[in-house]
Amino acid sequence: MFVQPASDGSPSALKSSKVLSNTRYAKRGEFVTRNIAGETIIVPVRGRVGDLDSIYNLSEVASAIWNRIDGQTNFQQIVESVCAEFDVPPETAESDALQFIAELQNAALIEPMLETKA
């Protein structure tokens, strides 16, 4: 798994998530992200206090995906960047990205961006 709550180390439950290649995601809510000794850690902030029961440790691949979730980069671009950076086949990168994005959505750390018509 990519996201592990540090409190008990158990992986978060996954819900199936249909992701279109042009879907963009944005981070939501309040959180603090830190890179400590090469490991990315996310601490949600609830009521102006860090929720220490919900600290997330990200793998190297998950960290790369997290850093590309900016509301501008679409899912397909994230998959392509994972392929290039980690030298993995597109199927593996897509599967990993789908799983991680589902976990982030379940943790309420990201949300899909709504497309606006011009």
Protein backbone atom coordinates (compact mmCIF):
# COMPACT_ATOMS: atom_id res chain seq x y z
CA MET A 1 0.00 0.00 0.00
CA PHE A 2 1.08 3.56 -0.53
CA VAL A 3 -0.55 5.34 2.38
CA GLN A 4 -0.20 3.94 5.85
CA PRO A 5 -1.61 5.65 8.92
CA ALA A 6 1.34 5.68 11.30
CA SER A 7 -0.87 5.06 14.33
CA ASP A 8 -1.37 1.37 13.63
CA GLY A 9 0.40 0.76 10.34
CA SER A 10 -2.69 -0.77 8.74
CA PRO A 11 -3.41 0.14 5.13
CA SER A 12 -6.45 2.24 4.42
CA ALA A 13 -9.46 0.55 2.84
CA LEU A 14 -9.83 1.04 -0.88
CA LYS A 15 -13.00 1.91 -2.72
CA SER A 16 -13.15 1.38 -6.44
CA SER A 17 -12.57 4.62 -8.25
CA LYS A 18 -13.14 5.30 -11.93
CA VAL A 19 -10.46 7.66 -13.13
CA LEU A 20 -10.45 9.14 -16.59
CA SER A 21 -7.10 9.95 -18.15
CA ASN A 22 -7.91 13.68 -18.31
CA THR A 23 -9.13 13.91 -14.69
CA ARG A 24 -7.22 16.40 -12.59
CA TYR A 25 -7.03 16.23 -8.80
CA ALA A 26 -6.42 18.87 -6.18
CA LYS A 27 -5.34 18.56 -2.58
CA ARG A 28 -8.08 19.44 -0.12
CA GLY A 29 -8.35 20.25 3.51
CA GLU A 30 -5.63 21.41 5.81
CA PHE A 31 -2.50 19.34 6.24
CA VAL A 32 1.21 19.67 6.77
CA THR A 33 3.57 17.84 4.42
CA ARG A 34 7.19 17.25 5.37
CA ASN A 35 10.05 15.38 3.78
CA ILE A 36 12.13 13.83 6.54
CA ALA A 37 15.14 11.64 5.72
CA GLY A 38 13.84 11.08 2.19
CA GLU A 39 10.37 10.06 3.37
CA THR A 40 7.25 12.16 2.78
CA ILE A 41 4.93 12.51 5.76
CA ILE A 42 1.45 14.07 5.68
CA VAL A 43 -0.24 15.25 8.88
CA PRO A 44 -3.88 16.32 8.56
CA VAL A 45 -4.80 19.41 10.59
CA ARG A 46 -8.14 19.28 12.34
CA GLY A 47 -9.33 22.20 14.42
CA ARG A 48 -5.97 23.96 14.02
CA VAL A 49 -4.16 20.99 15.59
CA GLY A 50 -2.22 18.23 13.86
CA ASP A 51 -4.18 14.96 13.93
CA LEU A 52 -1.38 12.70 15.16
CA ASP A 53 -3.63 9.63 14.88
CA SER A 54 -3.78 10.16 11.11
CA ILE A 55 -0.16 10.64 10.07
CA TYR A 56 0.54 9.20 6.61
CA ASN A 57 3.92 7.89 5.44
CA LEU A 58 4.29 7.82 1.65
CA SER A 59 6.42 5.46 -0.40
CA GLU A 60 8.79 6.91 -2.99
CA VAL A 61 6.29 6.36 -5.81
CA ALA A 62 3.40 7.72 -3.74
CA SER A 63 5.46 10.79 -2.90
CA ALA A 64 6.13 11.43 -6.60
CA ILE A 65 2.40 11.13 -7.36
CA TRP A 66 1.47 13.35 -4.38
CA ASN A 67 3.83 16.06 -5.60
CA ARG A 68 2.13 16.05 -9.01
CA ILE A 69 -1.39 16.43 -7.63
CA ASP A 70 -1.74 20.16 -8.17
CA GLY A 71 -5.11 20.70 -9.85
CA GLN A 72 -3.33 21.20 -13.19
CA THR A 73 -1.70 17.86 -13.97
CA ASN A 74 -4.12 15.22 -15.24
CA PHE A 75 -4.09 11.54 -14.38
CA GLN A 76 -2.48 10.48 -17.67
CA GLN A 77 0.36 12.99 -17.17
CA ILE A 78 0.93 11.62 -13.66
CA VAL A 79 1.11 8.07 -15.04
CA GLU A 80 3.56 9.14 -17.75
CA SER A 81 5.80 10.84 -15.20
CA VAL A 82 5.80 7.73 -12.98
CA CYS A 83 6.78 5.61 -16.01
CA ALA A 84 9.66 7.92 -16.83
CA GLU A 85 10.91 8.45 -13.27
CA PHE A 86 10.69 4.85 -12.07
CA ASP A 87 11.18 3.01 -15.39
CA VAL A 88 8.00 0.93 -15.02
CA PRO A 89 5.51 -0.20 -17.67
CA PRO A 90 2.43 2.00 -18.19
CA GLU A 91 0.11 -0.71 -16.82
CA THR A 92 2.04 -0.83 -13.53
CA ALA A 93 2.19 2.94 -13.22
CA GLU A 94 -1.53 3.27 -13.94
CA SER A 95 -2.47 0.55 -11.46
CA ASP A 96 -0.29 2.09 -8.74
CA ALA A 97 -1.61 5.60 -9.41
CA LEU A 98 -5.24 4.41 -9.38
CA GLN A 99 -4.72 2.65 -6.07
CA PHE A 100 -2.97 5.61 -4.46
CA ILE A 101 -5.52 8.15 -5.71
CA ALA A 102 -8.33 5.98 -4.31
CA GLU A 103 -6.53 5.89 -0.96
CA LEU A 104 -6.07 9.68 -0.96
CA GLN A 105 -9.75 10.18 -1.79
CA ASN A 106 -10.77 7.80 1.02
CA ALA A 107 -8.58 9.80 3.40
CA ALA A 108 -10.23 13.04 2.13
CA LEU A 109 -6.83 14.47 1.17
CA ILE A 110 -7.69 15.07 -2.51
CA GLU A 111 -10.71 15.63 -4.71
CA PRO A 112 -11.30 15.55 -8.46
CA MET A 113 -11.44 18.93 -10.14
CA LEU A 114 -14.67 19.76 -11.88
CA GLU A 115 -14.28 20.66 -15.52
CA THR A 116 -15.62 24.11 -16.33
CA LYS A 117 -17.04 24.83 -19.75
CA ALA A 118 -15.76 27.92 -21.50
